[in-house]
Amino acid sequence: MTRKTWFLLSFAIFLGGLYLCYFTDWLNPPRIQIIKSDRVLRQVRPGQTVYPVAFLLNGKYHLTTVRVYAADDLAVRKKNPRPLWDLKPGKKNGPPVKGFIYGRPIPGMQPATTNRWARPLEPGTKYHLLVQAGRARGEMDFQATAADTSAQ
């Protein structure tokens, strides 16, 4: 092969590499954007200290992991933190979801450990949410809003 052929071949490979890096998700996994919303209700259940927390996703996803950690516990135990809420896919695949509420069942998901449902949230405590759907992943820190029990 001539020098010109080698140059054109290497230039084509270089352009192909640039395309893979900048225009595909081949190297970088897609990100799930999460929006937190407090469901401020007029009446809360007796003993409930925070309003329900809802999470909206930027699309519909077949979730494979949902975990909520206390941010302090996550900082102290980086390798093995204990989740407050840990879900994994169930035996039946549920429909893709666009959002969910903390502690409520998500279709197609089940607790990762037997009979371990979500622990209650506390006002003023920072939490960390991790959501995965295949290769797509999303994370966010949040706080729960204290419920106004005087309105009852």
C-alpha atoms as a PDB file:
ATOM      1  CA  MET A   1       0.000   0.000   0.000  1.00  0.00           C
ATOM      2  CA  THR A   2       1.086   3.499  -0.691  1.00  0.00           C
ATOM      3  CA  ARG A   3       1.679   6.201   1.829  1.00  0.00           C
ATOM      4  CA  LYS A   4      -1.496   8.012   0.732  1.00  0.00           C
ATOM      5  CA  THR A   5      -3.610   4.867   1.313  1.00  0.00           C
ATOM      6  CA  TRP A   6      -2.207   4.441   4.842  1.00  0.00           C
ATOM      7  CA  PHE A   7      -2.914   8.081   5.603  1.00  0.00           C
ATOM      8  CA  LEU A   8      -6.539   7.883   4.394  1.00  0.00           C
ATOM      9  CA  LEU A   9      -7.102   4.602   6.263  1.00  0.00           C
ATOM     10  CA  SER A  10      -5.723   5.973   9.538  1.00  0.00           C
ATOM     11  CA  PHE A  11      -7.730   9.201   9.101  1.00  0.00           C
ATOM     12  CA  ALA A  12     -10.937   7.157   8.590  1.00  0.00           C
ATOM     13  CA  ILE A  13     -10.194   5.127  11.746  1.00  0.00           C
ATOM     14  CA  PHE A  14      -9.561   8.367  13.664  1.00  0.00           C
ATOM     15  CA  LEU A  15     -12.884   9.843  12.507  1.00  0.00           C
ATOM     16  CA  GLY A  16     -14.672   6.598  13.420  1.00  0.00           C
ATOM     17  CA  GLY A  17     -13.163   6.740  16.920  1.00  0.00           C
ATOM     18  CA  LEU A  18     -14.280  10.347  17.353  1.00  0.00           C
ATOM     19  CA  TYR A  19     -17.788   9.386  16.282  1.00  0.00           C
ATOM     20  CA  LEU A  20     -17.904   6.526  18.806  1.00  0.00           C
ATOM     21  CA  CYS A  21     -16.693   8.766  21.631  1.00  0.00           C
ATOM     22  CA  TYR A  22     -18.925  11.771  21.069  1.00  0.00           C
ATOM     23  CA  PHE A  23     -22.080  10.556  19.344  1.00  0.00           C
ATOM     24  CA  THR A  24     -22.845   7.155  20.889  1.00  0.00           C
ATOM     25  CA  ASP A  25     -23.384   5.744  24.370  1.00  0.00           C
ATOM     26  CA  TRP A  26     -20.908   2.971  23.680  1.00  0.00           C
ATOM     27  CA  LEU A  27     -18.278   4.286  26.097  1.00  0.00           C
ATOM     28  CA  ASN A  28     -20.458   6.360  28.441  1.00  0.00           C
ATOM     29  CA  PRO A  29     -23.596   4.756  29.874  1.00  0.00           C
ATOM     30  CA  PRO A  30     -26.803   6.784  29.508  1.00  0.00           C
ATOM     31  CA  ARG A  31     -27.882   8.876  32.501  1.00  0.00           C
ATOM     32  CA  ILE A  32     -31.307   8.864  34.100  1.00  0.00           C
ATOM     33  CA  GLN A  33     -32.414  12.299  35.232  1.00  0.00           C
ATOM     34  CA  ILE A  34     -34.421  12.282  38.473  1.00  0.00           C
ATOM     35  CA  ILE A  35     -36.711  14.995  39.811  1.00  0.00           C
ATOM     36  CA  LYS A  36     -37.782  14.898  43.479  1.00  0.00           C
ATOM     37  CA  SER A  37     -41.219  16.100  44.453  1.00  0.00           C
ATOM     38  CA  ASP A  38     -42.761  16.271  47.943  1.00  0.00           C
ATOM     39  CA  ARG A  39     -46.409  15.237  47.996  1.00  0.00           C
ATOM     40  CA  VAL A  40     -47.792  17.787  50.442  1.00  0.00           C
ATOM     41  CA  LEU A  41     -51.060  16.355  51.722  1.00  0.00           C
ATOM     42  CA  ARG A  42     -53.632  18.055  53.904  1.00  0.00           C
ATOM     43  CA  GLN A  43     -53.766  15.075  56.187  1.00  0.00           C
ATOM     44  CA  VAL A  44     -50.927  12.694  56.878  1.00  0.00           C
ATOM     45  CA  ARG A  45     -51.196   9.310  58.513  1.00  0.00           C
ATOM     46  CA  PRO A  46     -50.827   9.186  62.293  1.00  0.00           C
ATOM     47  CA  GLY A  47     -47.164   8.817  63.263  1.00  0.00           C
ATOM     48  CA  GLN A  48     -45.937  10.015  59.864  1.00  0.00           C
ATOM     49  CA  THR A  49     -43.248  12.676  60.316  1.00  0.00           C
ATOM     50  CA  VAL A  50     -42.548  13.542  56.655  1.00  0.00           C
ATOM     51  CA  TYR A  51     -44.615  14.086  53.540  1.00  0.00           C
ATOM     52  CA  PRO A  52     -44.433  11.323  50.893  1.00  0.00           C
ATOM     53  CA  VAL A  53     -41.524  11.803  48.468  1.00  0.00           C
ATOM     54  CA  ALA A  54     -42.098  11.136  44.764  1.00  0.00           C
ATOM     55  CA  PHE A  55     -39.394  10.714  42.136  1.00  0.00           C
ATOM     56  CA  LEU A  56     -40.030  11.440  38.458  1.00  0.00           C
ATOM     57  CA  LEU A  57     -37.742  10.057  35.750  1.00  0.00           C
ATOM     58  CA  ASN A  58     -36.993  11.664  32.375  1.00  0.00           C
ATOM     59  CA  GLY A  59     -38.483   8.679  30.505  1.00  0.00           C
ATOM     60  CA  LYS A  60     -40.053   5.270  30.988  1.00  0.00           C
ATOM     61  CA  TYR A  61     -37.588   2.665  32.269  1.00  0.00           C
ATOM     62  CA  HIS A  62     -37.590  -1.025  33.188  1.00  0.00           C
ATOM     63  CA  LEU A  63     -35.856  -0.533  36.535  1.00  0.00           C
ATOM     64  CA  THR A  64     -33.291  -3.086  37.700  1.00  0.00           C
ATOM     65  CA  THR A  65     -32.146  -1.423  40.946  1.00  0.00           C
ATOM     66  CA  VAL A  66     -33.637   1.124  43.328  1.00  0.00           C
ATOM     67  CA  ARG A  67     -31.676   1.944  46.486  1.00  0.00           C
ATOM     68  CA  VAL A  68     -31.895   4.699  49.073  1.00  0.00           C
ATOM     69  CA  TYR A  69     -29.079   5.271  51.565  1.00  0.00           C
ATOM     70  CA  ALA A  70     -28.630   7.677  54.434  1.00  0.00           C
ATOM     71  CA  ALA A  71     -25.948  10.071  53.138  1.00  0.00           C
ATOM     72  CA  ASP A  72     -24.005   9.875  56.429  1.00  0.00           C
ATOM     73  CA  ASP A  73     -23.942   6.070  56.298  1.00  0.00           C
ATOM     74  CA  LEU A  74     -22.841   6.177  52.663  1.00  0.00           C
ATOM     75  CA  ALA A  75     -19.950   8.509  53.537  1.00  0.00           C
ATOM     76  CA  VAL A  76     -18.802   6.364  56.493  1.00  0.00           C
ATOM     77  CA  ARG A  77     -19.253   2.919  54.898  1.00  0.00           C
ATOM     78  CA  LYS A  78     -18.210   3.555  51.311  1.00  0.00           C
ATOM     79  CA  LYS A  79     -17.763  -0.108  50.402  1.00  0.00           C
ATOM     80  CA  ASN A  80     -20.749  -1.657  52.179  1.00  0.00           C
ATOM     81  CA  PRO A  81     -23.442   0.858  53.170  1.00  0.00           C
ATOM     82  CA  ARG A  82     -26.809  -0.385  54.421  1.00  0.00           C
ATOM     83  CA  PRO A  83     -29.693   0.723  52.218  1.00  0.00           C
ATOM     84  CA  LEU A  84     -32.902   2.011  53.794  1.00  0.00           C
ATOM     85  CA  TRP A  85     -34.854   0.819  50.748  1.00  0.00           C
ATOM     86  CA  ASP A  86     -33.475  -1.781  48.334  1.00  0.00           C
ATOM     87  CA  LEU A  87     -35.446  -3.185  45.402  1.00  0.00           C
ATOM     88  CA  LYS A  88     -34.522  -5.646  42.663  1.00  0.00           C
ATOM     89  CA  PRO A  89     -36.472  -7.029  39.692  1.00  0.00           C
ATOM     90  CA  GLY A  90     -39.159  -9.553  40.561  1.00  0.00           C
ATOM     91  CA  LYS A  91     -39.971 -12.819  38.848  1.00  0.00           C
ATOM     92  CA  LYS A  92     -42.408 -11.081  36.515  1.00  0.00           C
ATOM     93  CA  ASN A  93     -41.270  -8.100  34.500  1.00  0.00           C
ATOM     94  CA  GLY A  94     -43.401  -5.094  35.269  1.00  0.00           C
ATOM     95  CA  PRO A  95     -44.241  -2.297  32.891  1.00  0.00           C
ATOM     96  CA  PRO A  96     -41.739   0.518  32.380  1.00  0.00           C
ATOM     97  CA  VAL A  97     -42.209   3.250  34.974  1.00  0.00           C
ATOM     98  CA  LYS A  98     -41.867   7.013  34.692  1.00  0.00           C
ATOM     99  CA  GLY A  99     -41.818   7.613  38.444  1.00  0.00           C
ATOM    100  CA  PHE A 100     -42.381   6.147  41.889  1.00  0.00           C
ATOM    101  CA  ILE A 101     -43.026   7.118  45.503  1.00  0.00           C
ATOM    102  CA  TYR A 102     -40.572   6.224  48.276  1.00  0.00           C
ATOM    103  CA  GLY A 103     -41.644   3.129  50.177  1.00  0.00           C
ATOM    104  CA  ARG A 104     -44.523   2.210  47.872  1.00  0.00           C
ATOM    105  CA  PRO A 105     -44.388  -0.928  45.701  1.00  0.00           C
ATOM    106  CA  ILE A 106     -43.081  -0.504  42.152  1.00  0.00           C
ATOM    107  CA  PRO A 107     -44.611  -2.869  39.560  1.00  0.00           C
ATOM    108  CA  GLY A 108     -42.183  -5.649  38.680  1.00  0.00           C
ATOM    109  CA  MET A 109     -39.860  -4.977  41.644  1.00  0.00           C
ATOM    110  CA  GLN A 110     -39.471  -6.745  44.996  1.00  0.00           C
ATOM    111  CA  PRO A 111     -37.338  -6.195  48.117  1.00  0.00           C
ATOM    112  CA  ALA A 112     -33.745  -7.355  47.640  1.00  0.00           C
ATOM    113  CA  THR A 113     -33.788  -9.022  51.054  1.00  0.00           C
ATOM    114  CA  THR A 114     -36.705 -11.088  52.303  1.00  0.00           C
ATOM    115  CA  ASN A 115     -39.555  -9.114  53.887  1.00  0.00           C
ATOM    116  CA  ARG A 116     -37.524  -5.888  54.126  1.00  0.00           C
ATOM    117  CA  TRP A 117     -39.572  -2.901  53.109  1.00  0.00           C
ATOM    118  CA  ALA A 118     -38.561   0.738  53.233  1.00  0.00           C
ATOM    119  CA  ARG A 119     -37.610   2.282  56.556  1.00  0.00           C
ATOM    120  CA  PRO A 120     -39.332   5.578  57.352  1.00  0.00           C
ATOM    121  CA  LEU A 121     -37.594   8.800  56.377  1.00  0.00           C
ATOM    122  CA  GLU A 122     -36.734  11.463  58.945  1.00  0.00           C
ATOM    123  CA  PRO A 123     -36.995  15.218  58.395  1.00  0.00           C
ATOM    124  CA  GLY A 124     -33.713  17.094  58.045  1.00  0.00           C
ATOM    125  CA  THR A 125     -31.690  13.976  57.160  1.00  0.00           C
ATOM    126  CA  LYS A 126     -29.875  13.803  53.832  1.00  0.00           C
ATOM    127  CA  TYR A 127     -30.476  10.724  51.679  1.00  0.00           C
ATOM    128  CA  HIS A 128     -28.945   9.370  48.465  1.00  0.00           C
ATOM    129  CA  LEU A 129     -31.058   7.675  45.752  1.00  0.00           C
ATOM    130  CA  LEU A 130     -29.556   5.263  43.184  1.00  0.00           C
ATOM    131  CA  VAL A 131     -31.657   4.081  40.228  1.00  0.00           C
ATOM    132  CA  GLN A 132     -30.508   1.687  37.481  1.00  0.00           C
ATOM    133  CA  ALA A 133     -32.224   0.431  34.360  1.00  0.00           C
ATOM    134  CA  GLY A 134     -29.823  -1.848  32.508  1.00  0.00           C
ATOM    135  CA  ARG A 135     -26.771   0.300  31.661  1.00  0.00           C
ATOM    136  CA  ALA A 136     -28.612   3.551  32.394  1.00  0.00           C
ATOM    137  CA  ARG A 137     -27.979   4.979  35.835  1.00  0.00           C
ATOM    138  CA  GLY A 138     -29.176   7.954  37.862  1.00  0.00           C
ATOM    139  CA  GLU A 139     -28.299   9.311  41.294  1.00  0.00           C
ATOM    140  CA  MET A 140     -29.422  12.214  43.454  1.00  0.00           C
ATOM    141  CA  ASP A 141     -29.280  13.512  47.008  1.00  0.00           C
ATOM    142  CA  PHE A 142     -32.502  14.627  48.681  1.00  0.00           C
ATOM    143  CA  GLN A 143     -34.141  15.537  51.990  1.00  0.00           C
ATOM    144  CA  ALA A 144     -37.672  14.772  53.120  1.00  0.00           C
ATOM    145  CA  THR A 145     -39.927  17.671  54.167  1.00  0.00           C
ATOM    146  CA  ALA A 146     -41.325  17.572  57.699  1.00  0.00           C
ATOM    147  CA  ALA A 147     -45.087  17.019  57.807  1.00  0.00           C
ATOM    148  CA  ASP A 148     -47.207  19.783  59.279  1.00  0.00           C
ATOM    149  CA  THR A 149     -49.160  17.911  61.950  1.00  0.00           C
ATOM    150  CA  SER A 150     -50.802  21.066  63.328  1.00  0.00           C
ATOM    151  CA  ALA A 151     -53.188  21.240  60.331  1.00  0.00           C
ATOM    152  CA  GLN A 152     -55.057  18.137  61.452  1.00  0.00           C
END
